[in-house]
């Protein structure tokens, strides 16, 4: 053997020849290759600890295909080196390195092409997905319920993107240890209302969030239902209908969008907007679309190695709550309805709709000075419960001025609202 023709240092060649003479045979080669592989693995693991400050977990996780492939490659390299590679010179190793680089390039090109194709397919699927498809996927996914108020179970994406989400129709389940039922169009109501108007009737539409919805209040215990019963008790020959379009987590913008796309079809005489102090913020649930052009993740790698994560983005669109939503991903249309200027735009649009369709509007709730001044400047009537209902008129635990009144608080608010509509002379049926 000519040591100068070998790529391996002469001392290593002599030690390896000695090992062959002492431990020759097929089993010994497997043992020696395994030992070399273990030594190499320990070396890389130690280097990772030094460089990154933590163990490189992928080197020991068999379920990671890339670490598994790299480990197999190292073992084969060790096997070949102990077989005859240590005697080979630089030309042989250079040719072998060239083949390895060619194979690596082929793999990288194939992976990149597959990544591009997958992104194109997923983007096309996202564009073609209907909200019904998203709803079906959402219903198929089991939910880990850890609250007495499983809000995620009672809402679904709205067919109108500007509304974002709405109550599911035909619900009948406990919600916060209270009965919750919705009618066929997804209102928290025990009856279905016809689109056409009943003769000699007054139809009142409620727009609001969890306060008007009746959070922690029994079915038909919210203040709109109390108002309807109070008006019906007058027995004046008029049929009073109170349609509660309130949904937990809505803000003022979603409420007005609900009026435009859903409630106007029922031709209301009066629209009551239930104000809450967080109605100038983002809604609780938002729709988020996946960005299939992003460069910080490989979707093909996710498909191959993290199927559970891939299933979460498979539809291309998902509904997320405000606590986990990146505000930078919120559309400009949704952001435009927040803060003071957004509220001014929303209530100005509400005033325009009132003038165009001929219905009365009453903004009802505990109004702060700023929002009360803004709404008054626009020209909308208000009922500020903080001014009209003194804090010591009723027990504090009824939480009349809180965003979630107690059942007794809803009773008071419903009766006060009925009296206010009567005093304003709005309870007159159309000819």
Protein backbone atom coordinates (compact mmCIF):
# COMPACT_ATOMS: atom_id res chain seq x y z
CA UNK A 1 0.00 0.00 0.00
CA UNK A 2 1.23 3.46 -0.86
CA UNK A 3 0.25 5.82 1.99
CA UNK A 4 0.73 8.89 -0.24
CA UNK A 5 -2.00 7.65 -2.58
CA UNK A 6 -4.45 7.32 0.29
CA UNK A 7 -6.80 10.14 1.34
CA UNK A 8 -6.57 8.86 4.92
CA UNK A 9 -3.59 9.80 7.18
CA UNK A 10 -1.03 6.93 7.38
CA UNK A 11 -1.43 6.52 11.15
CA UNK A 12 -5.18 6.02 10.75
CA UNK A 13 -4.55 3.51 7.95
CA UNK A 14 -2.21 1.47 10.13
CA UNK A 15 -4.64 1.51 13.05
CA UNK A 16 -7.47 0.46 10.78
CA UNK A 17 -5.40 -2.39 9.25
CA UNK A 18 -4.60 -3.53 12.76
CA UNK A 19 -8.31 -3.51 13.64
CA UNK A 20 -9.07 -5.55 10.52
CA UNK A 21 -6.48 -8.18 11.41
CA UNK A 22 -7.72 -8.41 15.00
CA UNK A 23 -11.48 -8.00 14.48
CA UNK A 24 -11.90 -9.11 10.90
CA UNK A 25 -15.24 -10.42 9.68
CA UNK A 26 -18.70 -9.16 8.86
CA UNK A 27 -20.01 -8.73 12.47
CA UNK A 28 -16.93 -6.76 13.44
CA UNK A 29 -17.47 -4.31 10.57
CA UNK A 30 -21.04 -3.64 11.79
CA UNK A 31 -19.77 -3.14 15.33
CA UNK A 32 -16.98 -0.82 14.25
CA UNK A 33 -19.29 1.19 11.96
CA UNK A 34 -21.82 1.51 14.77
CA UNK A 35 -19.15 2.71 17.16
CA UNK A 36 -17.93 5.29 14.65
CA UNK A 37 -21.49 6.44 14.02
CA UNK A 38 -22.06 6.80 17.78
CA UNK A 39 -18.83 8.76 18.10
CA UNK A 40 -19.86 11.08 15.26
CA UNK A 41 -23.34 11.53 16.77
CA UNK A 42 -21.84 12.40 20.14
CA UNK A 43 -19.50 14.87 18.46
CA UNK A 44 -22.34 16.68 16.64
CA UNK A 45 -24.50 16.64 19.75
CA UNK A 46 -21.70 18.11 21.83
CA UNK A 47 -21.05 20.75 19.17
CA UNK A 48 -24.75 21.66 19.16
CA UNK A 49 -24.74 22.03 22.94
CA UNK A 50 -21.73 24.35 22.72
CA UNK A 51 -23.04 26.44 19.80
CA UNK A 52 -26.76 26.59 20.61
CA UNK A 53 -26.72 26.06 24.35
CA UNK A 54 -29.19 23.20 24.17
CA UNK A 55 -29.21 19.63 22.82
CA UNK A 56 -30.06 19.18 19.19
CA UNK A 57 -33.21 17.12 19.78
CA UNK A 58 -33.63 16.11 16.17
CA UNK A 59 -30.53 13.91 16.27
CA UNK A 60 -32.21 11.54 18.70
CA UNK A 61 -35.85 11.82 17.56
CA UNK A 62 -36.47 8.94 15.18
CA UNK A 63 -39.73 10.46 13.98
CA UNK A 64 -37.85 13.34 12.38
CA UNK A 65 -37.10 12.10 8.84
CA UNK A 66 -34.23 14.49 8.14
CA UNK A 67 -32.30 13.52 11.26
CA UNK A 68 -33.07 9.88 10.53
CA UNK A 69 -31.80 10.22 6.95
CA UNK A 70 -28.66 12.04 8.11
CA UNK A 71 -28.01 9.31 10.69
CA UNK A 72 -28.40 6.60 8.07
CA UNK A 73 -26.03 8.43 5.74
CA UNK A 74 -23.41 8.69 8.49
CA UNK A 75 -23.74 4.99 9.26
CA UNK A 76 -23.32 4.04 5.58
CA UNK A 77 -20.31 6.36 5.30
CA UNK A 78 -18.76 4.72 8.35
CA UNK A 79 -19.52 1.27 6.92
CA UNK A 80 -17.78 2.11 3.62
CA UNK A 81 -14.81 3.72 5.30
CA UNK A 82 -14.15 0.66 7.45
CA UNK A 83 -14.62 -1.60 4.43
CA UNK A 84 -12.17 -0.13 1.97
CA UNK A 85 -12.62 3.62 1.89
CA UNK A 86 -9.72 4.30 4.24
CA UNK A 87 -7.38 2.92 1.54
CA UNK A 88 -8.78 5.05 -1.28
CA UNK A 89 -7.05 8.18 -2.48
CA UNK A 90 -8.35 11.69 -3.08
CA UNK A 91 -9.53 11.12 -6.72
CA UNK A 92 -11.94 8.39 -5.62
CA UNK A 93 -13.29 10.49 -2.76
CA UNK A 94 -13.56 13.55 -5.03
CA UNK A 95 -15.66 11.56 -7.51
CA UNK A 96 -17.80 10.25 -4.68
CA UNK A 97 -18.23 13.78 -3.31
CA UNK A 98 -19.30 15.00 -6.74
CA UNK A 99 -21.97 12.30 -6.94
CA UNK A 100 -23.16 13.17 -3.45
CA UNK A 101 -23.42 16.87 -4.38
CA UNK A 102 -25.34 15.97 -7.55
CA UNK A 103 -27.75 13.81 -5.53
CA UNK A 104 -28.13 16.60 -2.96
CA UNK A 105 -28.86 19.14 -5.70
CA UNK A 106 -31.44 16.81 -7.23
CA UNK A 107 -33.11 16.36 -3.88
CA UNK A 108 -33.12 20.11 -3.18
CA UNK A 109 -34.54 20.89 -6.64
CA UNK A 110 -37.26 18.25 -6.26
CA UNK A 111 -38.13 19.49 -2.77
CA UNK A 112 -38.33 23.12 -3.96
CA UNK A 113 -40.52 22.15 -6.94
CA UNK A 114 -42.83 20.14 -4.68
CA UNK A 115 -42.99 23.07 -2.25
CA UNK A 116 -44.02 25.47 -5.02
CA UNK A 117 -46.65 23.07 -6.35
CA UNK A 118 -48.08 22.48 -2.87
CA UNK A 119 -48.32 26.22 -2.25
CA UNK A 120 -50.13 26.71 -5.56
CA UNK A 121 -52.59 23.93 -4.75
CA UNK A 122 -53.23 25.27 -1.24
CA UNK A 123 -53.70 28.83 -2.51
CA UNK A 124 -56.19 27.63 -5.13
CA UNK A 125 -58.00 25.64 -2.47
CA UNK A 126 -58.12 28.71 -0.22
CA UNK A 127 -59.62 30.80 -3.03
CA UNK A 128 -62.18 28.13 -3.81
CA UNK A 129 -63.12 27.24 -0.25
CA UNK A 130 -66.62 28.19 0.73
CA UNK A 131 -67.50 29.19 4.26
CA UNK A 132 -69.73 26.13 4.37
CA UNK A 133 -66.62 24.01 3.83
CA UNK A 134 -64.89 25.85 6.66
CA UNK A 135 -67.91 25.31 8.89
CA UNK A 136 -67.93 21.59 8.10
CA UNK A 137 -64.22 21.31 8.89
CA UNK A 138 -64.78 23.21 12.11
CA UNK A 139 -67.57 20.86 13.17
CA UNK A 140 -65.46 17.78 12.41
CA UNK A 141 -62.58 18.88 14.63
CA UNK A 142 -63.02 17.80 18.27
CA UNK A 143 -62.80 20.66 20.73
CA UNK A 144 -61.22 20.47 24.16
CA UNK A 145 -63.78 22.31 26.30
CA UNK A 146 -62.26 23.87 29.41
CA UNK A 147 -64.88 26.48 30.27
CA UNK A 148 -68.51 26.69 31.30
CA UNK A 149 -69.03 29.19 28.47
CA UNK A 150 -67.76 27.37 25.32
CA UNK A 151 -68.09 30.36 23.01
CA UNK A 152 -66.31 28.50 20.21
CA UNK A 153 -69.16 25.95 20.13
CA UNK A 154 -71.98 28.43 19.61
CA UNK A 155 -70.53 30.57 16.80
CA UNK A 156 -69.61 29.93 13.18
CA UNK A 157 -68.09 31.99 10.37
CA UNK A 158 -70.61 34.30 8.75
CA UNK A 159 -71.28 34.11 5.00
CA UNK A 160 -70.66 37.87 5.04
CA UNK A 161 -66.93 38.58 5.56
CA UNK A 162 -67.65 41.98 7.12
CA UNK A 163 -69.69 40.30 9.88
CA UNK A 164 -66.92 37.71 10.45
CA UNK A 165 -68.93 35.33 12.67
CA UNK A 166 -72.44 34.76 13.96
CA UNK A 167 -74.40 32.43 16.23
CA UNK A 168 -75.03 28.92 15.00
CA UNK A 169 -78.67 28.21 14.15
CA UNK A 170 -80.86 25.62 15.92
CA UNK A 171 -78.77 25.38 19.08
CA UNK A 172 -80.18 23.80 22.21
CA UNK A 173 -77.48 23.36 24.87
CA UNK A 174 -76.31 24.59 28.28
CA UNK A 175 -74.17 27.72 28.20
CA UNK A 176 -72.73 28.80 31.52
CA UNK A 177 -75.25 26.55 33.28
CA UNK A 178 -78.04 28.42 31.52
CA UNK A 179 -80.23 27.18 28.70
CA UNK A 180 -79.32 28.50 25.27
CA UNK A 181 -81.50 28.09 22.21
CA UNK A 182 -81.23 29.74 18.84
CA UNK A 183 -83.81 29.84 16.08
CA UNK A 184 -83.39 28.82 12.45
CA UNK A 185 -81.51 32.02 11.50
CA UNK A 186 -79.19 31.97 14.50
CA UNK A 187 -80.83 34.44 16.90
CA UNK A 188 -81.03 33.76 20.61
CA UNK A 189 -84.79 33.47 20.50
CA UNK A 190 -87.35 30.76 21.16
CA UNK A 191 -89.45 31.61 18.09
CA UNK A 192 -88.87 32.05 14.37
CA UNK A 193 -89.90 35.35 12.84
CA UNK A 194 -91.33 35.57 9.32
CA UNK A 195 -89.59 37.92 6.93
CA UNK A 196 -92.93 39.46 6.02
CA UNK A 197 -94.50 41.82 8.54
CA UNK A 198 -97.54 40.87 10.57
CA UNK A 199 -100.52 43.24 10.36
CA UNK A 200 -100.76 45.92 13.06
CA UNK A 201 -97.31 45.16 14.43
CA UNK A 202 -94.21 46.96 15.64
CA UNK A 203 -90.92 45.21 14.90
CA UNK A 204 -87.88 46.05 17.03
CA UNK A 205 -84.37 44.86 16.11
CA UNK A 206 -81.65 44.64 18.74
CA UNK A 207 -77.98 44.97 17.81
CA UNK A 208 -75.40 44.28 20.50
CA UNK A 209 -72.85 42.00 22.07
CA UNK A 210 -72.82 39.75 25.12
CA UNK A 211 -74.76 42.23 27.27
CA UNK A 212 -77.83 42.31 25.02
CA UNK A 213 -77.32 38.61 24.21
CA UNK A 214 -77.86 37.81 27.88
CA UNK A 215 -74.56 36.46 29.23
CA UNK A 216 -75.25 34.19 32.20
CA UNK A 217 -78.97 34.82 31.86
CA UNK A 218 -81.64 32.20 31.19
CA UNK A 219 -83.28 31.87 27.80
CA UNK A 220 -85.78 34.72 27.27
CA UNK A 221 -84.34 36.54 30.28
CA UNK A 222 -82.36 39.16 28.34
CA UNK A 223 -83.63 42.73 28.43
CA UNK A 224 -84.98 42.66 24.85
CA UNK A 225 -87.14 39.67 25.73
CA UNK A 226 -88.24 41.45 28.93
CA UNK A 227 -89.09 44.53 26.87
CA UNK A 228 -91.16 42.44 24.45
CA UNK A 229 -93.15 40.82 27.28
CA UNK A 230 -93.67 44.21 28.91
CA UNK A 231 -95.06 45.65 25.69
CA UNK A 232 -97.24 42.62 24.99
CA UNK A 233 -98.72 42.95 28.48
CA UNK A 234 -100.22 46.28 27.42
CA UNK A 235 -102.78 44.31 25.40
CA UNK A 236 -103.38 47.28 23.12
CA UNK A 237 -104.04 45.20 20.02
CA UNK A 238 -100.49 45.64 18.69
CA UNK A 239 -98.14 42.71 18.06
CA UNK A 240 -94.66 43.57 19.32
CA UNK A 241 -91.70 41.62 17.94
CA UNK A 242 -88.22 41.98 19.40
CA UNK A 243 -85.54 40.30 17.30
CA UNK A 244 -82.27 39.89 19.18
CA UNK A 245 -79.36 39.94 16.70
CA UNK A 246 -76.80 40.38 19.51
CA UNK A 247 -73.73 38.11 19.48
CA UNK A 248 -71.05 37.91 22.20
CA UNK A 249 -67.86 39.70 21.25
CA UNK A 250 -69.35 41.99 18.59
CA UNK A 251 -68.24 45.59 18.29
CA UNK A 252 -70.24 48.49 16.86
CA UNK A 253 -68.98 47.90 13.33
CA UNK A 254 -70.11 44.26 13.26
CA UNK A 255 -73.46 45.31 14.69
CA UNK A 256 -74.07 47.79 11.87
CA UNK A 257 -72.85 45.25 9.31
CA UNK A 258 -75.36 42.78 10.80
CA UNK A 259 -78.08 45.36 10.32
CA UNK A 260 -77.11 45.90 6.68
CA UNK A 261 -76.76 42.27 5.65
CA UNK A 262 -79.23 40.48 7.92
CA UNK A 263 -81.66 42.62 9.90
CA UNK A 264 -82.80 45.09 7.22
CA UNK A 265 -84.49 42.21 5.40
CA UNK A 266 -86.99 42.10 8.30
CA UNK A 267 -88.02 45.74 7.78
CA UNK A 268 -87.67 47.01 11.38
CA UNK A 269 -89.52 50.00 12.83
CA UNK A 270 -87.00 50.52 15.63
CA UNK A 271 -83.32 49.57 15.98
CA UNK A 272 -81.90 49.42 19.51
CA UNK A 273 -78.10 49.43 19.69
CA UNK A 274 -76.83 48.03 23.00
CA UNK A 275 -73.69 49.95 23.84
CA UNK A 276 -70.78 48.38 25.75
CA UNK A 277 -67.53 50.09 26.72
CA UNK A 278 -65.41 47.79 24.50
CA UNK A 279 -67.50 48.32 21.34
CA UNK A 280 -64.76 50.46 19.83
CA UNK A 281 -62.26 47.61 19.94
CA UNK A 282 -61.76 44.65 17.64
CA UNK A 283 -64.41 41.90 17.73
CA UNK A 284 -63.63 38.81 19.78
CA UNK A 285 -63.42 36.39 16.85
CA UNK A 286 -61.64 37.13 13.57
CA UNK A 287 -61.09 35.25 10.33
CA UNK A 288 -57.46 34.68 9.45
CA UNK A 289 -56.24 33.55 6.05
CA UNK A 290 -52.99 31.65 5.69
CA UNK A 291 -50.26 33.41 3.73
CA UNK A 292 -49.01 30.77 1.32
CA UNK A 293 -46.29 33.13 0.08
CA UNK A 294 -44.59 33.38 3.48
CA UNK A 295 -40.92 32.39 3.63
CA UNK A 296 -40.53 31.49 7.28
CA UNK A 297 -42.00 28.00 6.99
CA UNK A 298 -41.93 25.04 4.60
CA UNK A 299 -45.45 23.76 4.01
CA UNK A 300 -44.08 20.58 2.42
CA UNK A 301 -41.99 19.90 5.50
CA UNK A 302 -45.10 20.53 7.62
CA UNK A 303 -47.06 18.06 5.49
CA UNK A 304 -44.33 15.41 5.80
CA UNK A 305 -43.39 15.82 9.45
CA UNK A 306 -46.15 17.69 11.31
CA UNK A 307 -49.49 16.48 10.01
CA UNK A 308 -51.48 17.90 12.94
CA UNK A 309 -50.15 21.40 12.27
CA UNK A 310 -50.80 20.99 8.56
CA UNK A 311 -54.43 20.03 9.19
CA UNK A 312 -54.89 23.31 11.06
CA UNK A 313 -54.02 25.31 7.94
CA UNK A 314 -55.49 22.89 5.39
CA UNK A 315 -58.57 25.01 4.71
CA UNK A 316 -56.45 28.14 4.23
CA UNK A 317 -58.87 30.07 6.47
CA UNK A 318 -59.49 29.69 10.17
CA UNK A 319 -61.36 31.52 12.88
CA UNK A 320 -59.26 32.77 15.77
CA UNK A 321 -60.07 34.67 18.92
CA UNK A 322 -58.74 38.12 19.65
CA UNK A 323 -56.28 36.83 22.25
CA UNK A 324 -54.36 34.74 19.67
CA UNK A 325 -54.82 36.95 16.62
CA UNK A 326 -51.88 38.96 15.31
CA UNK A 327 -53.27 42.47 14.84
CA UNK A 328 -51.05 42.92 11.78
CA UNK A 329 -53.09 40.16 10.08
CA UNK A 330 -56.40 41.97 10.66
CA UNK A 331 -57.87 43.40 7.46
CA UNK A 332 -58.01 47.16 7.04
CA UNK A 333 -61.82 47.00 6.76
CA UNK A 334 -62.14 45.50 10.25
CA UNK A 335 -59.57 47.88 11.74
CA UNK A 336 -61.41 50.86 10.24
CA UNK A 337 -64.30 50.36 12.68
CA UNK A 338 -62.21 50.75 15.83
CA UNK A 339 -61.19 53.70 17.99
CA UNK A 340 -62.88 57.12 17.94
CA UNK A 341 -62.69 57.77 14.19
CA UNK A 342 -63.90 54.27 13.41
CA UNK A 343 -66.88 54.70 15.73
CA UNK A 344 -67.72 58.04 14.12
CA UNK A 345 -67.76 56.40 10.70
CA UNK A 346 -69.89 53.46 11.94
CA UNK A 347 -72.54 55.57 13.68
CA UNK A 348 -72.67 58.01 10.77
CA UNK A 349 -73.45 55.07 8.50
CA UNK A 350 -76.13 53.94 10.95
CA UNK A 351 -77.72 57.40 10.83
CA UNK A 352 -77.71 57.27 7.01
CA UNK A 353 -79.39 53.85 7.01
CA UNK A 354 -82.01 55.17 9.45
CA UNK A 355 -82.83 58.08 7.16
CA UNK A 356 -82.94 55.90 4.05
CA UNK A 357 -85.12 53.11 5.46
CA UNK A 358 -87.27 55.11 7.84
CA UNK A 359 -86.62 53.36 11.14
CA UNK A 360 -85.88 54.88 14.53
CA UNK A 361 -82.53 54.30 16.27
CA UNK A 362 -81.86 54.34 20.00
CA UNK A 363 -78.34 53.80 21.38
CA UNK A 364 -78.96 52.21 24.77
CA UNK A 365 -76.49 51.54 27.58
CA UNK A 366 -73.91 53.01 29.98
CA UNK A 367 -72.42 55.69 27.74
CA UNK A 368 -69.22 57.47 28.69
CA UNK A 369 -68.89 61.19 28.07
CA UNK A 370 -66.81 60.77 24.90
CA UNK A 371 -69.05 58.30 23.08
CA UNK A 372 -72.20 60.10 24.26
CA UNK A 373 -70.92 63.36 22.80
CA UNK A 374 -69.90 61.65 19.53
CA UNK A 375 -73.29 59.95 19.02
CA UNK A 376 -75.17 63.14 19.89
CA UNK A 377 -73.14 65.14 17.36
CA UNK A 378 -74.09 62.63 14.66
CA UNK A 379 -77.75 63.12 15.53
CA UNK A 380 -78.74 59.74 16.97
CA UNK A 381 -80.97 59.49 20.06
CA UNK A 382 -79.50 57.89 23.18
CA UNK A 383 -80.58 56.43 26.48
CA UNK A 384 -77.63 56.74 28.81
CA UNK A 385 -78.35 54.34 31.65
CA UNK A 386 -75.67 55.98 33.78
CA UNK A 387 -77.63 59.22 33.74
CA UNK A 388 -81.17 57.88 33.62
CA UNK A 389 -80.77 55.10 36.23
CA UNK A 390 -79.12 56.31 39.42
CA UNK A 391 -76.50 53.99 40.86
CA UNK A 392 -78.32 53.79 44.22
CA UNK A 393 -81.77 53.13 42.72
CA UNK A 394 -81.16 49.37 42.70
CA UNK A 395 -78.81 46.95 44.47
CA UNK A 396 -75.25 47.09 43.13
CA UNK A 397 -75.12 43.31 42.69
CA UNK A 398 -77.71 43.62 39.92
CA UNK A 399 -74.87 45.13 37.83
CA UNK A 400 -77.21 47.33 35.79
CA UNK A 401 -74.35 49.48 34.45
CA UNK A 402 -71.95 46.56 33.95
CA UNK A 403 -71.46 44.91 30.56
CA UNK A 404 -73.06 41.69 31.89
CA UNK A 405 -76.05 42.60 34.09
CA UNK A 406 -77.56 40.04 36.40
CA UNK A 407 -81.06 38.70 35.59
CA UNK A 408 -82.57 41.34 37.90
CA UNK A 409 -80.61 43.99 36.01
CA UNK A 410 -81.98 42.74 32.70
CA UNK A 411 -85.48 42.96 34.13
CA UNK A 412 -84.97 46.63 35.04
CA UNK A 413 -83.33 47.48 31.71
CA UNK A 414 -86.12 45.79 29.72
CA UNK A 415 -88.84 47.68 31.57
CA UNK A 416 -86.97 51.00 31.23
CA UNK A 417 -86.44 50.40 27.52
CA UNK A 418 -90.13 49.65 26.94
CA UNK A 419 -91.10 52.87 28.77
CA UNK A 420 -88.58 54.91 26.76
CA UNK A 421 -89.91 53.67 23.40
CA UNK A 422 -93.44 54.50 24.55
CA UNK A 423 -92.47 57.97 25.75
CA UNK A 424 -90.80 58.72 22.42
CA UNK A 425 -94.03 57.82 20.58
CA UNK A 426 -92.35 55.17 18.46
CA UNK A 427 -94.73 52.30 19.26
CA UNK A 428 -97.20 53.14 16.52
CA UNK A 429 -97.88 50.44 13.89
CA UNK A 430 -97.49 51.36 10.26
CA UNK A 431 -100.65 51.93 8.25
